[in-house]
Amino acid sequence: MLRAMRIIATFAAFLFAATAHATPAGANDDLGQLLADKGLLARIDQVRHSVSATASELVVTAMGFLGVPYRRGGNTVESGFDCSGFVKAMFEQTVGLILPRRAEQQAAATQKIERADLRPGDLVFFNTMRHAFSHVGIYIGEGKFIHSPKPGAEVRVENMKVWYWNRRFDGARRVQTSAADTPATQAAVSTDPVLR
C-alpha cells in the first residue's frame, strides 16, 4: 500500500511539474489523454484531494485549540491537554481514529517516516524526559508543529529548527488513516499492474 501511495504521489508530482514547464506542442495532451483513458487521472486527483483534505482538516482543528492550558493526563478542552492527550483528541475529533494514550504507544502504533518526508498531519516525537518518544506533536508544515508543551504552558506552535527541539527530535511517524485507504487508492492498486 505504501509503495502504491509513493508511486501515485510521484506520478502526480511529475504530472503537475510537467504542466508547469514549456513542452513541445501536444506532449502534455498525449500524456493527459493516456492518463484519462486509463482512468488514472481521476484516481490520482481523488487520492490527492482526500489525503490533503484530511491533513488540512486535522491541522485546522488543532489550531482551533491554541491557548488551551497544559494539564498532565488531560485529554479534553475542559480539562486541558498533555501532549499525547492533545494528539489523541485531535485524531478522534477530526479523523475518527482512536490512537493509544501515551506518546511512546502512539509512536509504536504508527508508521516510521523520514524527517524529510514530513507532511502536515504527521506526528513528530521528541526526547524531553531522557527517554525516547516522551513528547509528541502534530506537524503543520514549514518546519513547525503544534503541541501541548508542559505545565504552566498552553497549546502552541513551535519551530522544529530551534536548538531545543532540533536537538531532541526523536523521529517522525505517519498515522494510517482511512484517507490512505480510499476506494480510489484501492482501485488504482488492484486494477493497475504498475501499482501492485
N, C-alpha and C. Protein backbone atom coordinates (compact mmCIF):
# COMPACT_ATOMS: atom_id res chain seq x y z
N MET A 1 0.83 -1.19 0.00
CA MET A 1 0.00 0.00 0.00
C MET A 1 0.87 1.25 0.00
N LEU A 2 1.93 1.25 0.84
CA LEU A 2 2.82 2.40 0.91
C LEU A 2 3.51 2.62 -0.43
N ARG A 3 3.95 1.54 -1.07
CA ARG A 3 4.61 1.65 -2.37
C ARG A 3 3.65 2.25 -3.39
N ALA A 4 2.41 1.82 -3.37
CA ALA A 4 1.42 2.36 -4.31
C ALA A 4 1.20 3.84 -4.08
N MET A 5 1.13 4.25 -2.80
CA MET A 5 0.92 5.67 -2.50
C MET A 5 2.11 6.50 -2.98
N ARG A 6 3.34 5.96 -2.81
CA ARG A 6 4.52 6.68 -3.27
C ARG A 6 4.53 6.82 -4.78
N ILE A 7 4.13 5.75 -5.47
CA ILE A 7 4.08 5.79 -6.94
C ILE A 7 3.05 6.82 -7.38
N ILE A 8 1.89 6.81 -6.75
CA ILE A 8 0.84 7.77 -7.11
C ILE A 8 1.32 9.19 -6.84
N ALA A 9 1.93 9.42 -5.68
CA ALA A 9 2.40 10.76 -5.33
C ALA A 9 3.49 11.22 -6.30
N THR A 10 4.42 10.31 -6.63
CA THR A 10 5.48 10.66 -7.57
C THR A 10 4.91 10.97 -8.94
N PHE A 11 3.98 10.15 -9.36
CA PHE A 11 3.36 10.35 -10.67
C PHE A 11 2.59 11.65 -10.71
N ALA A 12 1.85 11.96 -9.62
CA ALA A 12 1.10 13.21 -9.56
C ALA A 12 2.04 14.40 -9.58
N ALA A 13 3.16 14.31 -8.84
CA ALA A 13 4.13 15.40 -8.84
C ALA A 13 4.72 15.60 -10.23
N PHE A 14 5.02 14.48 -10.91
CA PHE A 14 5.53 14.57 -12.28
C PHE A 14 4.51 15.23 -13.18
N LEU A 15 3.27 14.82 -13.05
CA LEU A 15 2.21 15.37 -13.88
C LEU A 15 2.07 16.87 -13.68
N PHE A 16 2.05 17.31 -12.43
CA PHE A 16 1.90 18.74 -12.15
C PHE A 16 3.13 19.52 -12.58
N ALA A 17 4.32 18.94 -12.42
CA ALA A 17 5.54 19.61 -12.86
C ALA A 17 5.57 19.71 -14.37
N ALA A 18 5.10 18.69 -15.03
CA ALA A 18 5.12 18.69 -16.49
C ALA A 18 4.23 19.79 -17.05
N THR A 19 3.14 20.07 -16.38
CA THR A 19 2.25 21.11 -16.88
C THR A 19 2.79 22.50 -16.61
N ALA A 20 3.77 22.62 -15.71
CA ALA A 20 4.31 23.93 -15.36
C ALA A 20 5.43 24.37 -16.28
N HIS A 21 5.98 23.45 -17.06
CA HIS A 21 7.10 23.77 -17.95
C HIS A 21 6.66 23.74 -19.40
N ALA A 22 7.34 24.53 -20.23
CA ALA A 22 7.04 24.52 -21.66
C ALA A 22 7.51 23.20 -22.24
N THR A 23 6.63 22.57 -23.02
CA THR A 23 6.97 21.32 -23.69
C THR A 23 6.53 21.41 -25.13
N PRO A 24 7.02 20.51 -25.94
CA PRO A 24 6.59 20.53 -27.33
C PRO A 24 5.07 20.41 -27.43
N ALA A 25 4.51 21.05 -28.43
CA ALA A 25 3.06 21.04 -28.61
C ALA A 25 2.56 19.61 -28.67
N GLY A 26 1.52 19.33 -27.92
CA GLY A 26 0.89 18.02 -27.95
C GLY A 26 1.45 17.02 -26.95
N ALA A 27 2.63 17.25 -26.38
CA ALA A 27 3.22 16.28 -25.46
C ALA A 27 2.38 16.12 -24.21
N ASN A 28 1.98 17.22 -23.59
CA ASN A 28 1.12 17.14 -22.41
C ASN A 28 -0.24 16.59 -22.75
N ASP A 29 -0.73 16.93 -23.94
CA ASP A 29 -2.04 16.42 -24.35
C ASP A 29 -2.02 14.90 -24.46
N ASP A 30 -0.92 14.35 -25.02
CA ASP A 30 -0.80 12.89 -25.15
C ASP A 30 -0.76 12.22 -23.78
N LEU A 31 0.04 12.77 -22.87
CA LEU A 31 0.14 12.22 -21.52
C LEU A 31 -1.20 12.33 -20.81
N GLY A 32 -1.82 13.48 -20.91
CA GLY A 32 -3.13 13.68 -20.28
C GLY A 32 -4.18 12.74 -20.83
N GLN A 33 -4.15 12.53 -22.13
CA GLN A 33 -5.11 11.63 -22.76
C GLN A 33 -4.90 10.19 -22.30
N LEU A 34 -3.62 9.77 -22.23
CA LEU A 34 -3.30 8.43 -21.77
C LEU A 34 -3.80 8.22 -20.34
N LEU A 35 -3.54 9.19 -19.48
CA LEU A 35 -3.99 9.10 -18.09
C LEU A 35 -5.51 9.07 -18.00
N ALA A 36 -6.16 9.91 -18.79
CA ALA A 36 -7.62 9.96 -18.78
C ALA A 36 -8.20 8.64 -19.29
N ASP A 37 -7.61 8.08 -20.37
CA ASP A 37 -8.11 6.82 -20.93
C ASP A 37 -8.01 5.69 -19.92
N LYS A 38 -6.96 5.66 -19.13
CA LYS A 38 -6.78 4.60 -18.14
C LYS A 38 -7.55 4.89 -16.84
N GLY A 39 -8.09 6.09 -16.73
CA GLY A 39 -8.80 6.45 -15.51
C GLY A 39 -7.89 6.85 -14.37
N LEU A 40 -6.59 6.93 -14.64
CA LEU A 40 -5.63 7.24 -13.58
C LEU A 40 -5.69 8.69 -13.15
N LEU A 41 -5.97 9.58 -14.06
CA LEU A 41 -6.01 11.00 -13.72
C LEU A 41 -7.05 11.27 -12.63
N ALA A 42 -8.23 10.71 -12.80
CA ALA A 42 -9.29 10.90 -11.81
C ALA A 42 -8.91 10.26 -10.48
N ARG A 43 -8.30 9.08 -10.52
CA ARG A 43 -7.90 8.39 -9.28
C ARG A 43 -6.84 9.18 -8.53
N ILE A 44 -5.84 9.66 -9.27
CA ILE A 44 -4.78 10.45 -8.65
C ILE A 44 -5.35 11.69 -8.00
N ASP A 45 -6.24 12.35 -8.69
CA ASP A 45 -6.85 13.57 -8.17
C ASP A 45 -7.69 13.28 -6.92
N GLN A 46 -8.45 12.18 -6.94
CA GLN A 46 -9.26 11.81 -5.77
C GLN A 46 -8.39 11.52 -4.56
N VAL A 47 -7.33 10.76 -4.77
CA VAL A 47 -6.43 10.41 -3.66
C VAL A 47 -5.77 11.67 -3.11
N ARG A 48 -5.28 12.52 -4.00
CA ARG A 48 -4.59 13.75 -3.57
C ARG A 48 -5.55 14.63 -2.75
N HIS A 49 -6.77 14.79 -3.24
CA HIS A 49 -7.73 15.63 -2.51
C HIS A 49 -8.12 15.02 -1.18
N SER A 50 -8.32 13.71 -1.15
CA SER A 50 -8.73 13.04 0.08
C SER A 50 -7.65 13.14 1.15
N VAL A 51 -6.40 12.84 0.78
CA VAL A 51 -5.31 12.88 1.74
C VAL A 51 -5.06 14.31 2.21
N SER A 52 -5.00 15.27 1.29
CA SER A 52 -4.71 16.64 1.70
C SER A 52 -5.88 17.24 2.48
N ALA A 53 -7.11 16.87 2.16
CA ALA A 53 -8.26 17.39 2.90
C ALA A 53 -8.24 16.91 4.34
N THR A 54 -7.92 15.63 4.55
CA THR A 54 -7.85 15.08 5.91
C THR A 54 -6.75 15.76 6.71
N ALA A 55 -5.57 15.91 6.11
CA ALA A 55 -4.46 16.56 6.80
C ALA A 55 -4.79 18.01 7.10
N SER A 56 -5.37 18.70 6.14
CA SER A 56 -5.73 20.11 6.34
C SER A 56 -6.76 20.26 7.45
N GLU A 57 -7.76 19.39 7.44
CA GLU A 57 -8.80 19.45 8.47
C GLU A 57 -8.20 19.18 9.85
N LEU A 58 -7.28 18.23 9.93
CA LEU A 58 -6.60 17.91 11.19
C LEU A 58 -5.83 19.12 11.71
N VAL A 59 -5.06 19.77 10.83
CA VAL A 59 -4.27 20.93 11.22
C VAL A 59 -5.18 22.09 11.63
N VAL A 60 -6.23 22.34 10.86
CA VAL A 60 -7.16 23.43 11.19
C VAL A 60 -7.83 23.16 12.54
N THR A 61 -8.25 21.93 12.76
CA THR A 61 -8.87 21.58 14.05
C THR A 61 -7.89 21.82 15.19
N ALA A 62 -6.66 21.33 15.02
CA ALA A 62 -5.64 21.51 16.07
C ALA A 62 -5.39 22.98 16.36
N MET A 63 -5.34 23.81 15.32
CA MET A 63 -5.09 25.25 15.50
C MET A 63 -6.24 25.90 16.28
N GLY A 64 -7.40 25.33 16.21
CA GLY A 64 -8.54 25.85 16.97
C GLY A 64 -8.38 25.69 18.48
N PHE A 65 -7.40 24.91 18.91
CA PHE A 65 -7.19 24.67 20.33
C PHE A 65 -5.98 25.43 20.87
N LEU A 66 -5.43 26.33 20.08
CA LEU A 66 -4.33 27.17 20.57
C LEU A 66 -4.77 27.87 21.85
N GLY A 67 -3.91 27.87 22.85
CA GLY A 67 -4.22 28.57 24.09
C GLY A 67 -4.85 27.70 25.17
N VAL A 68 -5.24 26.46 24.83
CA VAL A 68 -5.79 25.56 25.85
C VAL A 68 -4.65 25.16 26.78
N PRO A 69 -4.85 25.27 28.09
CA PRO A 69 -3.76 25.00 29.03
C PRO A 69 -3.32 23.54 29.07
N TYR A 70 -2.04 23.36 29.39
CA TYR A 70 -1.48 22.02 29.60
C TYR A 70 -2.02 21.48 30.92
N ARG A 71 -2.33 20.20 30.91
CA ARG A 71 -2.67 19.51 32.15
C ARG A 71 -2.23 18.07 32.02
N ARG A 72 -1.40 17.63 32.93
CA ARG A 72 -0.91 16.25 32.90
C ARG A 72 -2.10 15.30 32.95
N GLY A 73 -2.15 14.38 32.01
CA GLY A 73 -3.24 13.41 31.95
C GLY A 73 -4.49 13.96 31.28
N GLY A 74 -4.46 15.23 30.87
CA GLY A 74 -5.64 15.84 30.27
C GLY A 74 -5.82 15.46 28.82
N ASN A 75 -7.09 15.27 28.42
CA ASN A 75 -7.37 14.94 27.04
C ASN A 75 -8.65 15.57 26.51
N THR A 76 -9.10 16.65 27.18
CA THR A 76 -10.26 17.40 26.70
C THR A 76 -9.99 18.89 26.83
N VAL A 77 -10.75 19.67 26.09
CA VAL A 77 -10.59 21.12 26.16
C VAL A 77 -10.98 21.62 27.55
N GLU A 78 -11.94 20.97 28.19
CA GLU A 78 -12.38 21.37 29.52
C GLU A 78 -11.31 21.11 30.57
N SER A 79 -10.64 19.98 30.46
CA SER A 79 -9.63 19.62 31.46
C SER A 79 -8.24 20.14 31.10
N GLY A 80 -8.05 20.48 29.83
CA GLY A 80 -6.71 20.80 29.33
C GLY A 80 -6.10 19.55 28.72
N PHE A 81 -4.95 19.72 28.09
CA PHE A 81 -4.31 18.61 27.39
C PHE A 81 -2.87 18.43 27.84
N ASP A 82 -2.43 17.17 27.90
CA ASP A 82 -0.99 16.94 27.86
C ASP A 82 -0.67 16.63 26.40
N CYS A 83 0.59 16.36 26.07
CA CYS A 83 0.97 16.25 24.66
C CYS A 83 0.25 15.11 23.94
N SER A 84 0.27 13.93 24.52
CA SER A 84 -0.35 12.79 23.84
C SER A 84 -1.87 12.86 23.90
N GLY A 85 -2.41 13.45 24.97
CA GLY A 85 -3.86 13.64 25.05
C GLY A 85 -4.36 14.59 23.97
N PHE A 86 -3.55 15.61 23.67
CA PHE A 86 -3.89 16.55 22.59
C PHE A 86 -3.92 15.84 21.24
N VAL A 87 -2.87 15.08 20.95
CA VAL A 87 -2.79 14.35 19.68
C VAL A 87 -3.95 13.36 19.56
N LYS A 88 -4.18 12.61 20.61
CA LYS A 88 -5.28 11.62 20.62
C LYS A 88 -6.62 12.30 20.36
N ALA A 89 -6.88 13.41 21.04
CA ALA A 89 -8.15 14.12 20.87
C ALA A 89 -8.31 14.67 19.45
N MET A 90 -7.24 15.19 18.87
CA MET A 90 -7.33 15.76 17.52
C MET A 90 -7.65 14.69 16.49
N PHE A 91 -7.03 13.52 16.60
CA PHE A 91 -7.31 12.45 15.65
C PHE A 91 -8.70 11.88 15.84
N GLU A 92 -9.16 11.77 17.08
CA GLU A 92 -10.52 11.28 17.31
C GLU A 92 -11.55 12.24 16.75
N GLN A 93 -11.39 13.54 17.02
CA GLN A 93 -12.37 14.53 16.59
C GLN A 93 -12.37 14.74 15.09
N THR A 94 -11.20 14.70 14.46
CA THR A 94 -11.09 15.03 13.05
C THR A 94 -11.22 13.82 12.14
N VAL A 95 -10.51 12.76 12.46
CA VAL A 95 -10.43 11.60 11.59
C VAL A 95 -11.32 10.46 12.08
N GLY A 96 -11.68 10.50 13.36
CA GLY A 96 -12.46 9.42 13.94
C GLY A 96 -11.59 8.21 14.26
N LEU A 97 -10.30 8.43 14.38
CA LEU A 97 -9.34 7.36 14.64
C LEU A 97 -8.89 7.44 16.09
N ILE A 98 -8.93 6.32 16.78
CA ILE A 98 -8.53 6.30 18.18
C ILE A 98 -7.09 5.82 18.29
N LEU A 99 -6.22 6.73 18.70
CA LEU A 99 -4.81 6.41 18.91
C LEU A 99 -4.59 5.99 20.35
N PRO A 100 -3.50 5.27 20.61
CA PRO A 100 -3.17 4.94 22.00
C PRO A 100 -2.99 6.22 22.83
N ARG A 101 -3.00 6.11 24.14
CA ARG A 101 -2.99 7.28 25.01
C ARG A 101 -1.60 7.90 25.21
N ARG A 102 -0.56 7.10 25.29
CA ARG A 102 0.77 7.63 25.62
C ARG A 102 1.60 7.86 24.36
N ALA A 103 2.52 8.82 24.44
CA ALA A 103 3.35 9.19 23.29
C ALA A 103 4.13 8.01 22.73
N GLU A 104 4.78 7.23 23.59
CA GLU A 104 5.57 6.10 23.08
C GLU A 104 4.68 5.03 22.45
N GLN A 105 3.45 4.89 22.95
CA GLN A 105 2.50 3.96 22.34
C GLN A 105 2.04 4.48 20.98
N GLN A 106 1.86 5.78 20.87
CA GLN A 106 1.49 6.38 19.59
C GLN A 106 2.60 6.17 18.56
N ALA A 107 3.85 6.29 19.01
CA ALA A 107 4.98 6.05 18.10
C ALA A 107 4.98 4.61 17.63
N ALA A 108 4.73 3.69 18.54
CA ALA A 108 4.75 2.26 18.19
C ALA A 108 3.60 1.87 17.27
N ALA A 109 2.49 2.60 17.32
CA ALA A 109 1.30 2.25 16.54
C ALA A 109 1.24 2.95 15.19
N THR A 110 2.27 3.72 14.85
CA THR A 110 2.25 4.48 13.60
C THR A 110 3.46 4.14 12.74
N GLN A 111 3.42 4.56 11.49
CA GLN A 111 4.45 4.21 10.53
C GLN A 111 5.62 5.19 10.56
N LYS A 112 6.82 4.67 10.71
CA LYS A 112 8.02 5.50 10.74
C LYS A 112 8.25 6.12 9.35
N ILE A 113 8.57 7.42 9.35
CA ILE A 113 8.92 8.12 8.12
C ILE A 113 10.17 8.96 8.36
N GLU A 114 10.81 9.38 7.30
CA GLU A 114 11.98 10.23 7.41
C GLU A 114 11.54 11.67 7.66
N ARG A 115 12.38 12.41 8.34
CA ARG A 115 12.08 13.81 8.62
C ARG A 115 11.83 14.60 7.33
N ALA A 116 12.58 14.28 6.30
CA ALA A 116 12.43 14.97 5.01
C ALA A 116 11.08 14.68 4.35
N ASP A 117 10.41 13.61 4.78
CA ASP A 117 9.13 13.23 4.18
C ASP A 117 7.92 13.74 4.97
N LEU A 118 8.15 14.56 5.99
CA LEU A 118 7.05 15.06 6.81
C LEU A 118 6.02 15.82 5.97
N ARG A 119 4.75 15.56 6.28
CA ARG A 119 3.63 16.28 5.67
C ARG A 119 2.71 16.75 6.80
N PRO A 120 1.95 17.81 6.58
CA PRO A 120 1.01 18.24 7.61
C PRO A 120 0.12 17.08 8.06
N GLY A 121 -0.05 16.97 9.37
CA GLY A 121 -0.84 15.89 9.95
C GLY A 121 0.00 14.74 10.47
N ASP A 122 1.29 14.68 10.11
CA ASP A 122 2.17 13.64 10.63
C ASP A 122 2.52 13.95 12.09
N LEU A 123 2.98 12.95 12.80
CA LEU A 123 3.37 13.12 14.19
C LEU A 123 4.88 13.31 14.29
N VAL A 124 5.29 14.19 15.19
CA VAL A 124 6.72 14.40 15.46
C VAL A 124 6.96 14.10 16.94
N PHE A 125 8.04 13.38 17.19
CA PHE A 125 8.35 12.93 18.55
C PHE A 125 9.68 13.49 19.01
N PHE A 126 9.76 13.72 20.32
CA PHE A 126 10.94 14.32 20.92
C PHE A 126 11.28 13.60 22.22
N ASN A 127 12.55 13.64 22.56
CA ASN A 127 13.04 13.09 23.82
C ASN A 127 13.21 14.26 24.78
N THR A 128 12.20 14.52 25.59
CA THR A 128 12.24 15.65 26.52
C THR A 128 12.39 15.21 27.97
N MET A 129 12.33 13.90 28.22
CA MET A 129 12.40 13.41 29.59
C MET A 129 13.44 12.31 29.74
N ARG A 130 14.46 12.38 28.91
CA ARG A 130 15.56 11.43 28.93
C ARG A 130 15.13 10.00 28.60
N HIS A 131 14.06 9.88 27.82
CA HIS A 131 13.73 8.58 27.24
C HIS A 131 13.00 8.81 25.92
N ALA A 132 13.18 7.88 25.01
CA ALA A 132 12.67 8.02 23.65
C ALA A 132 11.15 8.23 23.63
N PHE A 133 10.72 9.05 22.70
CA PHE A 133 9.30 9.30 22.44
C PHE A 133 8.54 9.76 23.69
N SER A 134 9.15 10.65 24.44
CA SER A 134 8.49 11.15 25.65
C SER A 134 7.62 12.37 25.37
N HIS A 135 7.66 12.91 24.16
CA HIS A 135 6.83 14.06 23.80
C HIS A 135 6.40 13.94 22.35
N VAL A 136 5.18 14.39 22.05
CA VAL A 136 4.63 14.28 20.70
C VAL A 136 3.87 15.55 20.32
N GLY A 137 3.90 15.87 19.04
CA GLY A 137 3.13 16.97 18.49
C GLY A 137 2.67 16.63 17.08
N ILE A 138 1.91 17.52 16.49
CA ILE A 138 1.40 17.32 15.13
C ILE A 138 2.09 18.30 14.20
N TYR A 139 2.72 17.78 13.17
CA TYR A 139 3.42 18.61 12.19
C TYR A 139 2.40 19.40 11.38
N ILE A 140 2.63 20.71 11.22
CA ILE A 140 1.69 21.55 10.48
C ILE A 140 2.28 22.10 9.19
N GLY A 141 3.55 21.83 8.93
CA GLY A 141 4.19 22.30 7.71
C GLY A 141 5.23 23.36 7.99
N GLU A 142 6.11 23.58 7.00
CA GLU A 142 7.16 24.60 7.07
C GLU A 142 8.03 24.49 8.31
N GLY A 143 8.30 23.26 8.75
CA GLY A 143 9.18 23.04 9.90
C GLY A 143 8.55 23.33 11.24
N LYS A 144 7.23 23.46 11.29
CA LYS A 144 6.55 23.80 12.54
C LYS A 144 5.61 22.69 12.98
N PHE A 145 5.37 22.65 14.29
CA PHE A 145 4.43 21.67 14.84
C PHE A 145 3.61 22.32 15.94
N ILE A 146 2.45 21.72 16.21
CA ILE A 146 1.57 22.20 17.28
C ILE A 146 1.53 21.13 18.36
N HIS A 147 1.54 21.57 19.62
CA HIS A 147 1.58 20.61 20.73
C HIS A 147 1.16 21.29 22.02
N SER A 148 0.98 20.46 23.04
CA SER A 148 0.74 20.94 24.39
C SER A 148 2.02 20.67 25.17
N PRO A 149 2.83 21.72 25.41
CA PRO A 149 4.23 21.51 25.81
C PRO A 149 4.53 21.07 27.24
N LYS A 150 4.01 21.77 28.25
CA LYS A 150 4.46 21.48 29.62
C LYS A 150 3.56 22.20 30.61
N PRO A 151 3.65 21.83 31.91
CA PRO A 151 2.85 22.52 32.93
C PRO A 151 3.12 24.02 32.91
N GLY A 152 2.04 24.78 33.03
CA GLY A 152 2.14 26.23 33.02
C GLY A 152 2.10 26.84 31.63
N ALA A 153 2.10 25.99 30.60
CA ALA A 153 2.06 26.48 29.21
C ALA A 153 0.72 26.12 28.58
N GLU A 154 0.55 26.53 27.34
CA GLU A 154 -0.69 26.29 26.60
C GLU A 154 -0.35 25.66 25.26
N VAL A 155 -1.37 25.09 24.61
CA VAL A 155 -1.19 24.56 23.25
C VAL A 155 -0.64 25.68 22.39
N ARG A 156 0.45 25.39 21.67
CA ARG A 156 1.09 26.41 20.85
C ARG A 156 1.85 25.79 19.69
N VAL A 157 2.28 26.66 18.79
CA VAL A 157 3.06 26.25 17.62
C VAL A 157 4.52 26.52 17.91
N GLU A 158 5.38 25.57 17.52
CA GLU A 158 6.83 25.70 17.72
C GLU A 158 7.54 25.42 16.41
N ASN A 159 8.75 25.92 16.30
CA ASN A 159 9.60 25.67 15.15
C ASN A 159 10.55 24.53 15.49
N MET A 160 10.53 23.47 14.71
CA MET A 160 11.38 22.30 14.96
C MET A 160 12.86 22.62 14.76
N LYS A 161 13.18 23.72 14.10
CA LYS A 161 14.57 24.05 13.80
C LYS A 161 15.28 24.76 14.94
N VAL A 162 14.52 25.24 15.93
CA VAL A 162 15.20 25.89 17.05
C VAL A 162 16.02 24.85 17.81
N TRP A 163 17.06 25.30 18.45
CA TRP A 163 18.03 24.41 19.08
C TRP A 163 17.37 23.37 19.98
N TYR A 164 16.49 23.80 20.87
CA TYR A 164 15.89 22.88 21.85
C TYR A 164 15.20 21.71 21.15
N TRP A 165 14.32 21.99 20.21
CA TRP A 165 13.54 20.93 19.56
C TRP A 165 14.39 20.13 18.58
N ASN A 166 15.25 20.79 17.85
CA ASN A 166 16.09 20.10 16.88
C ASN A 166 16.99 19.07 17.57
N ARG A 167 17.54 19.45 18.70
CA ARG A 167 18.44 18.57 19.45
C ARG A 167 17.69 17.36 20.04
N ARG A 168 16.43 17.52 20.35
CA ARG A 168 15.65 16.47 21.00
C ARG A 168 14.76 15.67 20.04
N PHE A 169 14.81 16.01 18.76
CA PHE A 169 13.97 15.31 17.78
C PHE A 169 14.25 13.81 17.81
N ASP A 170 13.18 13.02 17.93
CA ASP A 170 13.29 11.58 18.10
C ASP A 170 12.78 10.79 16.90
N GLY A 171 12.07 11.45 16.02
CA GLY A 171 11.56 10.74 14.85
C GLY A 171 10.20 11.25 14.44
N ALA A 172 9.81 10.83 13.25
CA ALA A 172 8.51 11.22 12.68
C ALA A 172 7.73 9.96 12.36
N ARG A 173 6.44 10.06 12.47
CA ARG A 173 5.55 8.93 12.20
C ARG A 173 4.34 9.42 11.41
N ARG A 174 3.81 8.52 10.61
CA ARG A 174 2.60 8.83 9.85
C ARG A 174 1.48 7.92 10.34
N VAL A 175 0.34 8.51 10.60
CA VAL A 175 -0.83 7.76 11.03
C VAL A 175 -1.54 7.29 9.78
N GLN A 176 -1.78 6.00 9.68
CA GLN A 176 -2.52 5.46 8.54
C GLN A 176 -4.00 5.68 8.81
N THR A 177 -4.57 6.60 8.04
CA THR A 177 -5.98 6.91 8.20
C THR A 177 -6.76 6.30 7.06
N SER A 178 -8.06 6.39 7.14
CA SER A 178 -8.90 5.86 6.07
C SER A 178 -8.67 6.62 4.77
N ALA A 179 -8.11 7.84 4.83
CA ALA A 179 -7.83 8.59 3.61
C ALA A 179 -6.83 7.86 2.74
N ALA A 180 -5.91 7.14 3.36
CA ALA A 180 -4.92 6.39 2.59
C ALA A 180 -5.51 5.13 1.99
N ASP A 181 -6.67 4.72 2.50
CA ASP A 181 -7.32 3.51 2.02
C ASP A 181 -8.62 3.82 1.31
N THR A 182 -8.66 4.93 0.60
CA THR A 182 -9.86 5.32 -0.11
C THR A 182 -10.16 4.34 -1.24
N PRO A 183 -11.41 4.27 -1.69
CA PRO A 183 -11.73 3.41 -2.83
C PRO A 183 -10.88 3.74 -4.04
N ALA A 184 -10.55 5.01 -4.23
CA ALA A 184 -9.72 5.40 -5.38
C ALA A 184 -8.34 4.77 -5.28
N THR A 185 -7.77 4.78 -4.08
CA THR A 185 -6.45 4.18 -3.89
C THR A 185 -6.53 2.67 -4.11
N GLN A 186 -7.53 2.04 -3.51
CA GLN A 186 -7.67 0.60 -3.64
C GLN A 186 -7.89 0.20 -5.09
N ALA A 187 -8.71 0.96 -5.80
CA ALA A 187 -8.96 0.66 -7.21
C ALA A 187 -7.70 0.82 -8.03
N ALA A 188 -6.94 1.87 -7.75
CA ALA A 188 -5.71 2.11 -8.50
C ALA A 188 -4.73 0.97 -8.29
N VAL A 189 -4.65 0.47 -7.07
CA VAL A 189 -3.71 -0.61 -6.76
C VAL A 189 -4.19 -1.92 -7.37
N SER A 190 -5.48 -2.20 -7.26
CA SER A 190 -5.96 -3.51 -7.70
C SER A 190 -6.11 -3.63 -9.20
N THR A 191 -6.29 -2.53 -9.93
CA THR A 191 -6.51 -2.62 -11.36
C THR A 191 -5.32 -2.29 -12.21
N ASP A 192 -4.30 -1.68 -11.66
CA ASP A 192 -3.15 -1.27 -12.45
C ASP A 192 -1.95 -2.11 -12.05
N PRO A 193 -1.42 -2.94 -12.95
CA PRO A 193 -0.29 -3.79 -12.60
C PRO A 193 0.94 -3.03 -12.16
N VAL A 194 1.11 -1.79 -12.59
CA VAL A 194 2.27 -0.99 -12.19
C VAL A 194 2.19 -0.65 -10.72
N LEU A 195 0.99 -0.52 -10.17
CA LEU A 195 0.81 -0.09 -8.79
C LEU A 195 0.69 -1.25 -7.80
N ARG A 196 0.72 -2.47 -8.27
CA ARG A 196 0.60 -3.62 -7.36
C ARG A 196 1.88 -3.89 -6.64
